[in-house]
Amino acid sequence: MTVVPLPELSSDVLASELAARLNEVVPEGFSVRPERSALVILHGDQVVGTSDAAAIVESLAALNMPDRHVETATRAAIKRVQLAIVCTSATPWPATQGDPPLPSTRRTGNRVEAWFGSEREPVLQLQPLELHILGHPY
């Protein structure tokens, strides 16, 4: 019997791709920097948070359902970025009033979509992540 290894997903690439998408939408004065598989959330030059969630895609559990773990890692990472912004700015980002909207993710075809708020009327939607960029064969 021949065993074919599953392709490895790159947590470093996921962190980089998430940082690029988040930097398009974070409030002025905030930025997100990838450092290996981590995200560093900055307000000006001050670090206000970090997320190691991208590393989830390289866990042993991810071997069975890699795309599901990309969703989980993405949702956890954007939630951590949101928390850092909310705590630093005292606003319900990305909303302007009320409670901060919950982050959500979903796989659609060969991409993972991420947004805040309801799926029908998101408060904010990120550019989709293409799974093949992360090393996924789909």
Foldseek 3Di string as FASTA:
>chain_A
DDDDAAWAFALQLLQVVLQVQVQVPDDPQWGWDGDRNKIFIGRNNDTQFMDNLSCQLRDPVCRVPNVVSSQVSSQRRVVRNQVSSCVVVVALPPDRDDHNFHKGWDDDPQWIWIFGHDPVDGSGTTDIGGNVSRGHPD
